Amino acid sequence: MKPGEIYDLYFPFKTPIKPGQEMGKIRPALILAVSSSGTALALSLKITGTGPTSEYPYRIPIFFWRDANLDKPSYVELDTEMPIRIISRQYPRGELKPADFNNVLKEYRKYKLG
């Protein structure tokens, strides 16, 4: 597992959860960073098919979504991050092109620094 790769991971939905609604779903996730040992923990960001809205303004487009093996035009949601345990037998779904990954990193830093 390395930064820039995309894996299918389970993401819980943001609260409030509506009655009868599932608690989350499996969706593509971008690996943003991996621990220095490469064996313990990674930070992933949710990928969604819906662009930015007033409710979800922190979505960055993936311009080369087909090259990343995504099914449709997609966006990285900067404010939905999740630490994950690295599983050695898990295979990536795809990988962002450097231009897309560098754009996400730039916007993520701006988002985190406020």
PDB file of N, CA and C in Angstrom:
ATOM      1  N   MET A   1       0.861  -1.180   0.000  1.00  0.00           N
ATOM      2  CA  MET A   1       0.000   0.000   0.000  1.00  0.00           C
ATOM      3  C   MET A   1       0.900   1.233   0.000  1.00  0.00           C
ATOM      4  N   LYS A   2       0.585   2.168  -0.921  1.00  0.00           N
ATOM      5  CA  LYS A   2       1.409   3.373  -0.997  1.00  0.00           C
ATOM      6  C   LYS A   2       0.545   4.582  -1.336  1.00  0.00           C
ATOM      7  N   PRO A   3       1.032   5.775  -1.008  1.00  0.00           N
ATOM      8  CA  PRO A   3       0.274   6.987  -1.307  1.00  0.00           C
ATOM      9  C   PRO A   3      -0.047   7.085  -2.802  1.00  0.00           C
ATOM     10  N   GLY A   4      -1.280   7.505  -3.081  1.00  0.00           N
ATOM     11  CA  GLY A   4      -1.743   7.640  -4.454  1.00  0.00           C
ATOM     12  C   GLY A   4      -2.558   6.459  -4.934  1.00  0.00           C
ATOM     13  N   GLU A   5      -2.453   5.320  -4.241  1.00  0.00           N
ATOM     14  CA  GLU A   5      -3.240   4.151  -4.632  1.00  0.00           C
ATOM     15  C   GLU A   5      -4.678   4.288  -4.141  1.00  0.00           C
ATOM     16  N   ILE A   6      -5.569   3.584  -4.830  1.00  0.00           N
ATOM     17  CA  ILE A   6      -6.991   3.595  -4.490  1.00  0.00           C
ATOM     18  C   ILE A   6      -7.405   2.173  -4.127  1.00  0.00           C
ATOM     19  N   TYR A   7      -8.085   2.051  -2.986  1.00  0.00           N
ATOM     20  CA  TYR A   7      -8.589   0.768  -2.505  1.00  0.00           C
ATOM     21  C   TYR A   7     -10.081   0.899  -2.240  1.00  0.00           C
ATOM     22  N   ASP A   8     -10.787  -0.208  -2.331  1.00  0.00           N
ATOM     23  CA  ASP A   8     -12.196  -0.217  -1.950  1.00  0.00           C
ATOM     24  C   ASP A   8     -12.270  -0.501  -0.454  1.00  0.00           C
ATOM     25  N   LEU A   9     -12.771   0.475   0.312  1.00  0.00           N
ATOM     26  CA  LEU A   9     -12.829   0.385   1.770  1.00  0.00           C
ATOM     27  C   LEU A   9     -14.219   0.740   2.272  1.00  0.00           C
ATOM     28  N   TYR A  10     -14.546   0.251   3.451  1.00  0.00           N
ATOM     29  CA  TYR A  10     -15.828   0.576   4.083  1.00  0.00           C
ATOM     30  C   TYR A  10     -15.709   1.929   4.778  1.00  0.00           C
ATOM     31  N   PHE A  11     -16.588   2.854   4.412  1.00  0.00           N
ATOM     32  CA  PHE A  11     -16.659   4.163   5.067  1.00  0.00           C
ATOM     33  C   PHE A  11     -18.011   4.304   5.747  1.00  0.00           C
ATOM     34  N   PRO A  12     -18.038   4.632   7.046  1.00  0.00           N
ATOM     35  CA  PRO A  12     -19.317   4.914   7.703  1.00  0.00           C
ATOM     36  C   PRO A  12     -19.877   6.233   7.187  1.00  0.00           C
ATOM     37  N   PHE A  13     -21.214   6.323   7.131  1.00  0.00           N
ATOM     38  CA  PHE A  13     -21.855   7.575   6.736  1.00  0.00           C
ATOM     39  C   PHE A  13     -21.703   8.592   7.857  1.00  0.00           C
ATOM     40  N   LYS A  14     -21.729   9.866   7.483  1.00  0.00           N
ATOM     41  CA  LYS A  14     -21.684  10.942   8.478  1.00  0.00           C
ATOM     42  C   LYS A  14     -23.021  11.011   9.204  1.00  0.00           C
ATOM     43  N   THR A  15     -22.986  11.402  10.454  1.00  0.00           N
ATOM     44  CA  THR A  15     -24.212  11.554  11.233  1.00  0.00           C
ATOM     45  C   THR A  15     -24.909  12.843  10.819  1.00  0.00           C
ATOM     46  N   PRO A  16     -26.211  12.933  10.979  1.00  0.00           N
ATOM     47  CA  PRO A  16     -27.088  11.911  11.548  1.00  0.00           C
ATOM     48  C   PRO A  16     -27.464  10.852  10.508  1.00  0.00           C
ATOM     49  N   ILE A  17     -27.575   9.619  10.975  1.00  0.00           N
ATOM     50  CA  ILE A  17     -28.018   8.502  10.139  1.00  0.00           C
ATOM     51  C   ILE A  17     -29.542   8.460  10.197  1.00  0.00           C
ATOM     52  N   LYS A  18     -30.177   8.390   9.048  1.00  0.00           N
ATOM     53  CA  LYS A  18     -31.640   8.348   9.000  1.00  0.00           C
ATOM     54  C   LYS A  18     -32.139   6.965   9.394  1.00  0.00           C
ATOM     55  N   PRO A  19     -33.341   6.881  10.003  1.00  0.00           N
ATOM     56  CA  PRO A  19     -33.901   5.569  10.360  1.00  0.00           C
ATOM     57  C   PRO A  19     -33.981   4.669   9.128  1.00  0.00           C
ATOM     58  N   GLY A  20     -33.518   3.452   9.269  1.00  0.00           N
ATOM     59  CA  GLY A  20     -33.544   2.489   8.182  1.00  0.00           C
ATOM     60  C   GLY A  20     -32.373   2.614   7.216  1.00  0.00           C
ATOM     61  N   GLN A  21     -31.552   3.646   7.386  1.00  0.00           N
ATOM     62  CA  GLN A  21     -30.404   3.856   6.505  1.00  0.00           C
ATOM     63  C   GLN A  21     -29.260   2.946   6.928  1.00  0.00           C
ATOM     64  N   GLU A  22     -28.515   2.465   5.955  1.00  0.00           N
ATOM     65  CA  GLU A  22     -27.313   1.687   6.251  1.00  0.00           C
ATOM     66  C   GLU A  22     -26.336   2.562   7.039  1.00  0.00           C
ATOM     67  N   MET A  23     -25.412   1.947   7.733  1.00  0.00           N
ATOM     68  CA  MET A  23     -24.435   2.682   8.538  1.00  0.00           C
ATOM     69  C   MET A  23     -23.259   3.198   7.704  1.00  0.00           C
ATOM     70  N   GLY A  24     -23.097   2.657   6.509  1.00  0.00           N
ATOM     71  CA  GLY A  24     -22.002   3.063   5.643  1.00  0.00           C
ATOM     72  C   GLY A  24     -21.996   2.207   4.396  1.00  0.00           C
ATOM     73  N   LYS A  25     -20.938   2.334   3.595  1.00  0.00           N
ATOM     74  CA  LYS A  25     -20.834   1.487   2.409  1.00  0.00           C
ATOM     75  C   LYS A  25     -19.383   1.404   1.954  1.00  0.00           C
ATOM     76  N   ILE A  26     -19.127   0.418   1.117  1.00  0.00           N
ATOM     77  CA  ILE A  26     -17.801   0.258   0.536  1.00  0.00           C
ATOM     78  C   ILE A  26     -17.693   1.216  -0.639  1.00  0.00           C
ATOM     79  N   ARG A  27     -16.604   1.966  -0.651  1.00  0.00           N
ATOM     80  CA  ARG A  27     -16.395   2.947  -1.717  1.00  0.00           C
ATOM     81  C   ARG A  27     -14.897   3.085  -1.969  1.00  0.00           C
ATOM     82  N   PRO A  28     -14.527   3.656  -3.105  1.00  0.00           N
ATOM     83  CA  PRO A  28     -13.103   3.873  -3.348  1.00  0.00           C
ATOM     84  C   PRO A  28     -12.530   4.858  -2.328  1.00  0.00           C
ATOM     85  N   ALA A  29     -11.283   4.621  -1.953  1.00  0.00           N
ATOM     86  CA  ALA A  29     -10.599   5.499  -1.002  1.00  0.00           C
ATOM     87  C   ALA A  29      -9.171   5.718  -1.474  1.00  0.00           C
ATOM     88  N   LEU A  30      -8.730   6.955  -1.398  1.00  0.00           N
ATOM     89  CA  LEU A  30      -7.374   7.322  -1.787  1.00  0.00           C
ATOM     90  C   LEU A  30      -6.448   7.208  -0.586  1.00  0.00           C
ATOM     91  N   ILE A  31      -5.340   6.510  -0.763  1.00  0.00           N
ATOM     92  CA  ILE A  31      -4.331   6.448   0.292  1.00  0.00           C
ATOM     93  C   ILE A  31      -3.489   7.716   0.196  1.00  0.00           C
ATOM     94  N   LEU A  32      -3.522   8.486   1.256  1.00  0.00           N
ATOM     95  CA  LEU A  32      -2.830   9.773   1.283  1.00  0.00           C
ATOM     96  C   LEU A  32      -1.432   9.647   1.877  1.00  0.00           C
ATOM     97  N   ALA A  33      -1.302   8.833   2.912  1.00  0.00           N
ATOM     98  CA  ALA A  33      -0.013   8.669   3.588  1.00  0.00           C
ATOM     99  C   ALA A  33       0.042   7.288   4.221  1.00  0.00           C
ATOM    100  N   VAL A  34       1.250   6.766   4.381  1.00  0.00           N
ATOM    101  CA  VAL A  34       1.478   5.463   5.004  1.00  0.00           C
ATOM    102  C   VAL A  34       2.544   5.657   6.072  1.00  0.00           C
ATOM    103  N   SER A  35       2.428   4.923   7.172  1.00  0.00           N
ATOM    104  CA  SER A  35       3.411   5.055   8.250  1.00  0.00           C
ATOM    105  C   SER A  35       4.820   4.784   7.728  1.00  0.00           C
ATOM    106  N   SER A  36       5.801   5.296   8.428  1.00  0.00           N
ATOM    107  CA  SER A  36       7.191   5.158   7.974  1.00  0.00           C
ATOM    108  C   SER A  36       7.628   3.702   7.857  1.00  0.00           C
ATOM    109  N   SER A  37       7.077   2.827   8.702  1.00  0.00           N
ATOM    110  CA  SER A  37       7.420   1.408   8.606  1.00  0.00           C
ATOM    111  C   SER A  37       6.665   0.740   7.469  1.00  0.00           C
ATOM    112  N   GLY A  38       5.586   1.386   7.008  1.00  0.00           N
ATOM    113  CA  GLY A  38       4.797   0.826   5.916  1.00  0.00           C
ATOM    114  C   GLY A  38       3.956  -0.363   6.316  1.00  0.00           C
ATOM    115  N   THR A  39       3.872  -0.644   7.619  1.00  0.00           N
ATOM    116  CA  THR A  39       3.166  -1.851   8.023  1.00  0.00           C
ATOM    117  C   THR A  39       2.010  -1.621   8.983  1.00  0.00           C
ATOM    118  N   ALA A  40       1.891  -0.422   9.535  1.00  0.00           N
ATOM    119  CA  ALA A  40       0.918  -0.256  10.607  1.00  0.00           C
ATOM    120  C   ALA A  40      -0.345   0.488  10.206  1.00  0.00           C
ATOM    121  N   LEU A  41      -0.207   1.671   9.670  1.00  0.00           N
ATOM    122  CA  LEU A  41      -1.362   2.531   9.505  1.00  0.00           C
ATOM    123  C   LEU A  41      -1.236   3.363   8.240  1.00  0.00           C
ATOM    124  N   ALA A  42      -2.381   3.603   7.617  1.00  0.00           N
ATOM    125  CA  ALA A  42      -2.421   4.494   6.457  1.00  0.00           C
ATOM    126  C   ALA A  42      -3.564   5.470   6.661  1.00  0.00           C
ATOM    127  N   LEU A  43      -3.495   6.619   6.009  1.00  0.00           N
ATOM    128  CA  LEU A  43      -4.565   7.603   6.056  1.00  0.00           C
ATOM    129  C   LEU A  43      -5.241   7.605   4.698  1.00  0.00           C
ATOM    130  N   SER A  44      -6.561   7.409   4.704  1.00  0.00           N
ATOM    131  CA  SER A  44      -7.294   7.359   3.442  1.00  0.00           C
ATOM    132  C   SER A  44      -8.339   8.463   3.397  1.00  0.00           C
ATOM    133  N   LEU A  45      -8.663   8.909   2.187  1.00  0.00           N
ATOM    134  CA  LEU A  45      -9.702   9.906   1.950  1.00  0.00           C
ATOM    135  C   LEU A  45     -10.780   9.282   1.077  1.00  0.00           C
ATOM    136  N   LYS A  46     -12.023   9.562   1.420  1.00  0.00           N
ATOM    137  CA  LYS A  46     -13.161   9.025   0.677  1.00  0.00           C
ATOM    138  C   LYS A  46     -13.209   9.605  -0.730  1.00  0.00           C
ATOM    139  N   ILE A  47     -13.599   8.759  -1.691  1.00  0.00           N
ATOM    140  CA  ILE A  47     -13.849   9.190  -3.060  1.00  0.00           C
ATOM    141  C   ILE A  47     -15.338   9.041  -3.319  1.00  0.00           C
ATOM    142  N   THR A  48     -15.942  10.065  -3.912  1.00  0.00           N
ATOM    143  CA  THR A  48     -17.377  10.079  -4.171  1.00  0.00           C
ATOM    144  C   THR A  48     -17.639  10.490  -5.616  1.00  0.00           C
ATOM    145  N   GLY A  49     -18.811  10.147  -6.106  1.00  0.00           N
ATOM    146  CA  GLY A  49     -19.189  10.509  -7.465  1.00  0.00           C
ATOM    147  C   GLY A  49     -19.904  11.840  -7.553  1.00  0.00           C
ATOM    148  N   THR A  50     -20.130  12.482  -6.418  1.00  0.00           N
ATOM    149  CA  THR A  50     -20.862  13.749  -6.387  1.00  0.00           C
ATOM    150  C   THR A  50     -19.892  14.901  -6.152  1.00  0.00           C
ATOM    151  N   GLY A  51     -20.019  15.943  -6.948  1.00  0.00           N
ATOM    152  CA  GLY A  51     -19.135  17.101  -6.838  1.00  0.00           C
ATOM    153  C   GLY A  51     -19.429  17.953  -5.627  1.00  0.00           C
ATOM    154  N   PRO A  52     -18.699  19.054  -5.476  1.00  0.00           N
ATOM    155  CA  PRO A  52     -18.892  19.930  -4.323  1.00  0.00           C
ATOM    156  C   PRO A  52     -20.289  20.543  -4.299  1.00  0.00           C
ATOM    157  N   THR A  53     -20.808  20.708  -3.088  1.00  0.00           N
ATOM    158  CA  THR A  53     -22.102  21.357  -2.857  1.00  0.00           C
ATOM    159  C   THR A  53     -21.918  22.309  -1.679  1.00  0.00           C
ATOM    160  N   SER A  54     -22.964  23.054  -1.341  1.00  0.00           N
ATOM    161  CA  SER A  54     -22.864  23.931  -0.167  1.00  0.00           C
ATOM    162  C   SER A  54     -22.702  23.107   1.109  1.00  0.00           C
ATOM    163  N   GLU A  55     -23.267  21.904   1.126  1.00  0.00           N
ATOM    164  CA  GLU A  55     -23.157  21.028   2.296  1.00  0.00           C
ATOM    165  C   GLU A  55     -21.802  20.307   2.340  1.00  0.00           C
ATOM    166  N   TYR A  56     -21.249  20.005   1.165  1.00  0.00           N
ATOM    167  CA  TYR A  56     -19.969  19.290   1.051  1.00  0.00           C
ATOM    168  C   TYR A  56     -19.031  20.067   0.120  1.00  0.00           C
ATOM    169  N   PRO A  57     -18.472  21.175   0.593  1.00  0.00           N
ATOM    170  CA  PRO A  57     -17.666  22.026  -0.297  1.00  0.00           C
ATOM    171  C   PRO A  57     -16.235  21.534  -0.534  1.00  0.00           C
ATOM    172  N   TYR A  58     -15.767  20.568   0.252  1.00  0.00           N
ATOM    173  CA  TYR A  58     -14.354  20.177   0.193  1.00  0.00           C
ATOM    174  C   TYR A  58     -14.131  18.943  -0.677  1.00  0.00           C
ATOM    175  N   ARG A  59     -14.648  18.978  -1.890  1.00  0.00           N
ATOM    176  CA  ARG A  59     -14.487  17.877  -2.833  1.00  0.00           C
ATOM    177  C   ARG A  59     -13.641  18.350  -4.012  1.00  0.00           C
ATOM    178  N   ILE A  60     -12.579  17.604  -4.289  1.00  0.00           N
ATOM    179  CA  ILE A  60     -11.609  17.956  -5.323  1.00  0.00           C
ATOM    180  C   ILE A  60     -11.769  16.985  -6.493  1.00  0.00           C
ATOM    181  N   PRO A  61     -11.917  17.490  -7.727  1.00  0.00           N
ATOM    182  CA  PRO A  61     -12.118  16.585  -8.865  1.00  0.00           C
ATOM    183  C   PRO A  61     -10.886  15.737  -9.171  1.00  0.00           C
ATOM    184  N   ILE A  62     -11.142  14.513  -9.596  1.00  0.00           N
ATOM    185  CA  ILE A  62     -10.105  13.635 -10.133  1.00  0.00           C
ATOM    186  C   ILE A  62     -10.242  13.736 -11.650  1.00  0.00           C
ATOM    187  N   PHE A  63      -9.328  14.433 -12.287  1.00  0.00           N
ATOM    188  CA  PHE A  63      -9.439  14.688 -13.721  1.00  0.00           C
ATOM    189  C   PHE A  63      -9.214  13.430 -14.553  1.00  0.00           C
ATOM    190  N   PHE A  64      -8.286  12.587 -14.128  1.00  0.00           N
ATOM    191  CA  PHE A  64      -7.972  11.364 -14.868  1.00  0.00           C
ATOM    192  C   PHE A  64      -8.613  10.152 -14.184  1.00  0.00           C
ATOM    193  N   TRP A  65      -9.930  10.240 -13.959  1.00  0.00           N
ATOM    194  CA  TRP A  65     -10.638   9.197 -13.202  1.00  0.00           C
ATOM    195  C   TRP A  65     -10.633   7.857 -13.933  1.00  0.00           C
ATOM    196  N   ARG A  66     -10.695   7.863 -15.244  1.00  0.00           N
ATOM    197  CA  ARG A  66     -10.657   6.586 -15.984  1.00  0.00           C
ATOM    198  C   ARG A  66      -9.305   5.893 -15.790  1.00  0.00           C
ATOM    199  N   ASP A  67      -8.230   6.673 -15.847  1.00  0.00           N
ATOM    200  CA  ASP A  67      -6.887   6.112 -15.653  1.00  0.00           C
ATOM    201  C   ASP A  67      -6.701   5.561 -14.243  1.00  0.00           C
ATOM    202  N   ALA A  68      -7.483   6.065 -13.295  1.00  0.00           N
ATOM    203  CA  ALA A  68      -7.410   5.599 -11.903  1.00  0.00           C
ATOM    204  C   ALA A  68      -8.315   4.391 -11.667  1.00  0.00           C
ATOM    205  N   ASN A  69      -8.934   3.879 -12.742  1.00  0.00           N
ATOM    206  CA  ASN A  69      -9.825   2.713 -12.672  1.00  0.00           C
ATOM    207  C   ASN A  69     -11.079   2.992 -11.842  1.00  0.00           C
ATOM    208  N   LEU A  70     -11.591   4.215 -11.952  1.00  0.00           N
ATOM    209  CA  LEU A  70     -12.852   4.566 -11.301  1.00  0.00           C
ATOM    210  C   LEU A  70     -13.972   4.443 -12.327  1.00  0.00           C
ATOM    211  N   ASP A  71     -15.178   4.163 -11.857  1.00  0.00           N
ATOM    212  CA  ASP A  71     -16.303   3.876 -12.742  1.00  0.00           C
ATOM    213  C   ASP A  71     -16.953   5.108 -13.347  1.00  0.00           C
ATOM    214  N   LYS A  72     -16.755   6.260 -12.729  1.00  0.00           N
ATOM    215  CA  LYS A  72     -17.434   7.480 -13.179  1.00  0.00           C
ATOM    216  C   LYS A  72     -16.622   8.688 -12.732  1.00  0.00           C
ATOM    217  N   PRO A  73     -16.951   9.886 -13.248  1.00  0.00           N
ATOM    218  CA  PRO A  73     -16.259  11.079 -12.749  1.00  0.00           C
ATOM    219  C   PRO A  73     -16.335  11.121 -11.222  1.00  0.00           C
ATOM    220  N   SER A  74     -15.203  11.389 -10.587  1.00  0.00           N
ATOM    221  CA  SER A  74     -15.126  11.252  -9.131  1.00  0.00           C
ATOM    222  C   SER A  74     -14.391  12.417  -8.491  1.00  0.00           C
ATOM    223  N   TYR A  75     -14.587  12.518  -7.163  1.00  0.00           N
ATOM    224  CA  TYR A  75     -14.039  13.610  -6.361  1.00  0.00           C
ATOM    225  C   TYR A  75     -13.483  13.039  -5.069  1.00  0.00           C
ATOM    226  N   VAL A  76     -12.361  13.598  -4.603  1.00  0.00           N
ATOM    227  CA  VAL A  76     -11.806  13.243  -3.297  1.00  0.00           C
ATOM    228  C   VAL A  76     -12.411  14.199  -2.280  1.00  0.00           C
ATOM    229  N   GLU A  77     -12.973  13.636  -1.210  1.00  0.00           N
ATOM    230  CA  GLU A  77     -13.599  14.441  -0.161  1.00  0.00           C
ATOM    231  C   GLU A  77     -12.564  14.694   0.936  1.00  0.00           C
ATOM    232  N   LEU A  78     -12.054  15.912   0.989  1.00  0.00           N
ATOM    233  CA  LEU A  78     -10.946  16.241   1.888  1.00  0.00           C
ATOM    234  C   LEU A  78     -11.299  16.144   3.362  1.00  0.00           C
ATOM    235  N   ASP A  79     -12.571  16.337   3.706  1.00  0.00           N
ATOM    236  CA  ASP A  79     -12.945  16.343   5.122  1.00  0.00           C
ATOM    237  C   ASP A  79     -13.469  14.997   5.607  1.00  0.00           C
ATOM    238  N   THR A  80     -13.270  13.947   4.830  1.00  0.00           N
ATOM    239  CA  THR A  80     -13.654  12.604   5.271  1.00  0.00           C
ATOM    240  C   THR A  80     -12.429  11.713   5.182  1.00  0.00           C
ATOM    241  N   GLU A  81     -11.634  11.732   6.246  1.00  0.00           N
ATOM    242  CA  GLU A  81     -10.430  10.914   6.290  1.00  0.00           C
ATOM    243  C   GLU A  81     -10.602   9.808   7.314  1.00  0.00           C
ATOM    244  N   MET A  82      -9.873   8.723   7.087  1.00  0.00           N
ATOM    245  CA  MET A  82     -10.007   7.576   7.974  1.00  0.00           C
ATOM    246  C   MET A  82      -8.666   6.853   8.054  1.00  0.00           C
ATOM    247  N   PRO A  83      -8.150   6.642   9.276  1.00  0.00           N
ATOM    248  CA  PRO A  83      -6.956   5.807   9.400  1.00  0.00           C
ATOM    249  C   PRO A  83      -7.347   4.348   9.182  1.00  0.00           C
ATOM    250  N   ILE A  84      -6.500   3.590   8.517  1.00  0.00           N
ATOM    251  CA  ILE A  84      -6.801   2.173   8.272  1.00  0.00           C
ATOM    252  C   ILE A  84      -5.569   1.333   8.561  1.00  0.00           C
ATOM    253  N   ARG A  85      -5.805   0.093   8.913  1.00  0.00           N
ATOM    254  CA  ARG A  85      -4.715  -0.867   9.078  1.00  0.00           C
ATOM    255  C   ARG A  85      -4.351  -1.406   7.704  1.00  0.00           C
ATOM    256  N   ILE A  86      -3.078  -1.538   7.461  1.00  0.00           N
ATOM    257  CA  ILE A  86      -2.614  -2.054   6.180  1.00  0.00           C
ATOM    258  C   ILE A  86      -2.730  -3.571   6.187  1.00  0.00           C
ATOM    259  N   ILE A  87      -3.378  -4.080   5.155  1.00  0.00           N
ATOM    260  CA  ILE A  87      -3.525  -5.530   4.989  1.00  0.00           C
ATOM    261  C   ILE A  87      -2.671  -5.923   3.791  1.00  0.00           C
ATOM    262  N   SER A  88      -1.704  -6.780   4.018  1.00  0.00           N
ATOM    263  CA  SER A  88      -0.729  -7.083   2.963  1.00  0.00           C
ATOM    264  C   SER A  88      -1.349  -7.784   1.760  1.00  0.00           C
ATOM    265  N   ARG A  89      -2.452  -8.496   1.932  1.00  0.00           N
ATOM    266  CA  ARG A  89      -3.042  -9.237   0.818  1.00  0.00           C
ATOM    267  C   ARG A  89      -4.092  -8.432   0.062  1.00  0.00           C
ATOM    268  N   GLN A  90      -4.223  -7.178   0.367  1.00  0.00           N
ATOM    269  CA  GLN A  90      -5.201  -6.339  -0.312  1.00  0.00           C
ATOM    270  C   GLN A  90      -4.556  -5.712  -1.546  1.00  0.00           C
ATOM    271  N   TYR A  91      -5.289  -5.739  -2.667  1.00  0.00           N
ATOM    272  CA  TYR A  91      -4.754  -5.206  -3.919  1.00  0.00           C
ATOM    273  C   TYR A  91      -5.441  -3.900  -4.272  1.00  0.00           C
ATOM    274  N   PRO A  92      -4.689  -2.943  -4.828  1.00  0.00           N
ATOM    275  CA  PRO A  92      -5.305  -1.662  -5.173  1.00  0.00           C
ATOM    276  C   PRO A  92      -6.262  -1.795  -6.350  1.00  0.00           C
ATOM    277  N   ARG A  93      -7.271  -0.967  -6.321  1.00  0.00           N
ATOM    278  CA  ARG A  93      -8.226  -0.866  -7.426  1.00  0.00           C
ATOM    279  C   ARG A  93      -7.605  -0.053  -8.559  1.00  0.00           C
ATOM    280  N   GLY A  94      -6.796   0.947  -8.190  1.00  0.00           N
ATOM    281  CA  GLY A  94      -6.174   1.828  -9.171  1.00  0.00           C
ATOM    282  C   GLY A  94      -5.198   2.754  -8.488  1.00  0.00           C
ATOM    283  N   GLU A  95      -4.749   3.748  -9.245  1.00  0.00           N
ATOM    284  CA  GLU A  95      -3.794   4.716  -8.708  1.00  0.00           C
ATOM    285  C   GLU A  95      -4.000   6.048  -9.425  1.00  0.00           C
ATOM    286  N   LEU A  96      -3.927   7.135  -8.664  1.00  0.00           N
ATOM    287  CA  LEU A  96      -4.065   8.454  -9.269  1.00  0.00           C
ATOM    288  C   LEU A  96      -2.824   8.798 -10.082  1.00  0.00           C
ATOM    289  N   LYS A  97      -3.034   9.506 -11.165  1.00  0.00           N
ATOM    290  CA  LYS A  97      -1.907  10.070 -11.913  1.00  0.00           C
ATOM    291  C   LYS A  97      -1.248  11.122 -11.014  1.00  0.00           C
ATOM    292  N   PRO A  98       0.061  11.342 -11.174  1.00  0.00           N
ATOM    293  CA  PRO A  98       0.749  12.322 -10.323  1.00  0.00           C
ATOM    294  C   PRO A  98       0.091  13.702 -10.314  1.00  0.00           C
ATOM    295  N   ALA A  99      -0.418  14.156 -11.452  1.00  0.00           N
ATOM    296  CA  ALA A  99      -1.059  15.485 -11.490  1.00  0.00           C
ATOM    297  C   ALA A  99      -2.261  15.535 -10.556  1.00  0.00           C
ATOM    298  N   ASP A 100      -3.094  14.488 -10.569  1.00  0.00           N
ATOM    299  CA  ASP A 100      -4.253  14.450  -9.675  1.00  0.00           C
ATOM    300  C   ASP A 100      -3.817  14.328  -8.222  1.00  0.00           C
ATOM    301  N   PHE A 101      -2.855  13.438  -7.944  1.00  0.00           N
ATOM    302  CA  PHE A 101      -2.423  13.235  -6.565  1.00  0.00           C
ATOM    303  C   PHE A 101      -1.800  14.511  -5.998  1.00  0.00           C
ATOM    304  N   ASN A 102      -0.961  15.178  -6.776  1.00  0.00           N
ATOM    305  CA  ASN A 102      -0.344  16.422  -6.304  1.00  0.00           C
ATOM    306  C   ASN A 102      -1.385  17.506  -6.061  1.00  0.00           C
ATOM    307  N   ASN A 103      -2.415  17.560  -6.895  1.00  0.00           N
ATOM    308  CA  ASN A 103      -3.500  18.521  -6.690  1.00  0.00           C
ATOM    309  C   ASN A 103      -4.243  18.227  -5.386  1.00  0.00           C
ATOM    310  N   VAL A 104      -4.529  16.944  -5.130  1.00  0.00           N
ATOM    311  CA  VAL A 104      -5.203  16.563  -3.880  1.00  0.00           C
ATOM    312  C   VAL A 104      -4.328  16.941  -2.688  1.00  0.00           C
ATOM    313  N   LEU A 105      -3.033  16.632  -2.746  1.00  0.00           N
ATOM    314  CA  LEU A 105      -2.127  16.981  -1.637  1.00  0.00           C
ATOM    315  C   LEU A 105      -2.108  18.479  -1.379  1.00  0.00           C
ATOM    316  N   LYS A 106      -2.036  19.272  -2.433  1.00  0.00           N
ATOM    317  CA  LYS A 106      -2.012  20.733  -2.294  1.00  0.00           C
ATOM    318  C   LYS A 106      -3.293  21.228  -1.625  1.00  0.00           C
ATOM    319  N   GLU A 107      -4.444  20.740  -2.094  1.00  0.00           N
ATOM    320  CA  GLU A 107      -5.726  21.177  -1.538  1.00  0.00           C
ATOM    321  C   GLU A 107      -5.928  20.650  -0.120  1.00  0.00           C
ATOM    322  N   TYR A 108      -5.441  19.442   0.163  1.00  0.00           N
ATOM    323  CA  TYR A 108      -5.551  18.865   1.506  1.00  0.00           C
ATOM    324  C   TYR A 108      -4.750  19.705   2.503  1.00  0.00           C
ATOM    325  N   ARG A 109      -3.553  20.107   2.118  1.00  0.00           N
ATOM    326  CA  ARG A 109      -2.732  20.956   3.002  1.00  0.00           C
ATOM    327  C   ARG A 109      -3.434  22.284   3.276  1.00  0.00           C
ATOM    328  N   LYS A 110      -3.996  22.893   2.233  1.00  0.00           N
ATOM    329  CA  LYS A 110      -4.722  24.160   2.414  1.00  0.00           C
ATOM    330  C   LYS A 110      -5.914  23.953   3.345  1.00  0.00           C
ATOM    331  N   TYR A 111      -6.637  22.849   3.160  1.00  0.00           N
ATOM    332  CA  TYR A 111      -7.802  22.549   4.002  1.00  0.00           C
ATOM    333  C   TYR A 111      -7.371  22.374   5.462  1.00  0.00           C
ATOM    334  N   LYS A 112      -6.303  21.627   5.690  1.00  0.00           N
ATOM    335  CA  LYS A 112      -5.848  21.345   7.056  1.00  0.00           C
ATOM    336  C   LYS A 112      -5.281  22.589   7.750  1.00  0.00           C
ATOM    337  N   LEU A 113      -4.650  23.453   6.988  1.00  0.00           N
ATOM    338  CA  LEU A 113      -4.065  24.659   7.578  1.00  0.00           C
ATOM    339  C   LEU A 113      -5.091  25.770   7.766  1.00  0.00           C
ATOM    340  N   GLY A 114      -6.269  25.591   7.163  1.00  0.00           N
ATOM    341  CA  GLY A 114      -7.363  26.548   7.335  1.00  0.00           C
ATOM    342  C   GLY A 114      -7.159  27.751   6.513  1.00  0.00           C
TER     343      GLY A 114
END
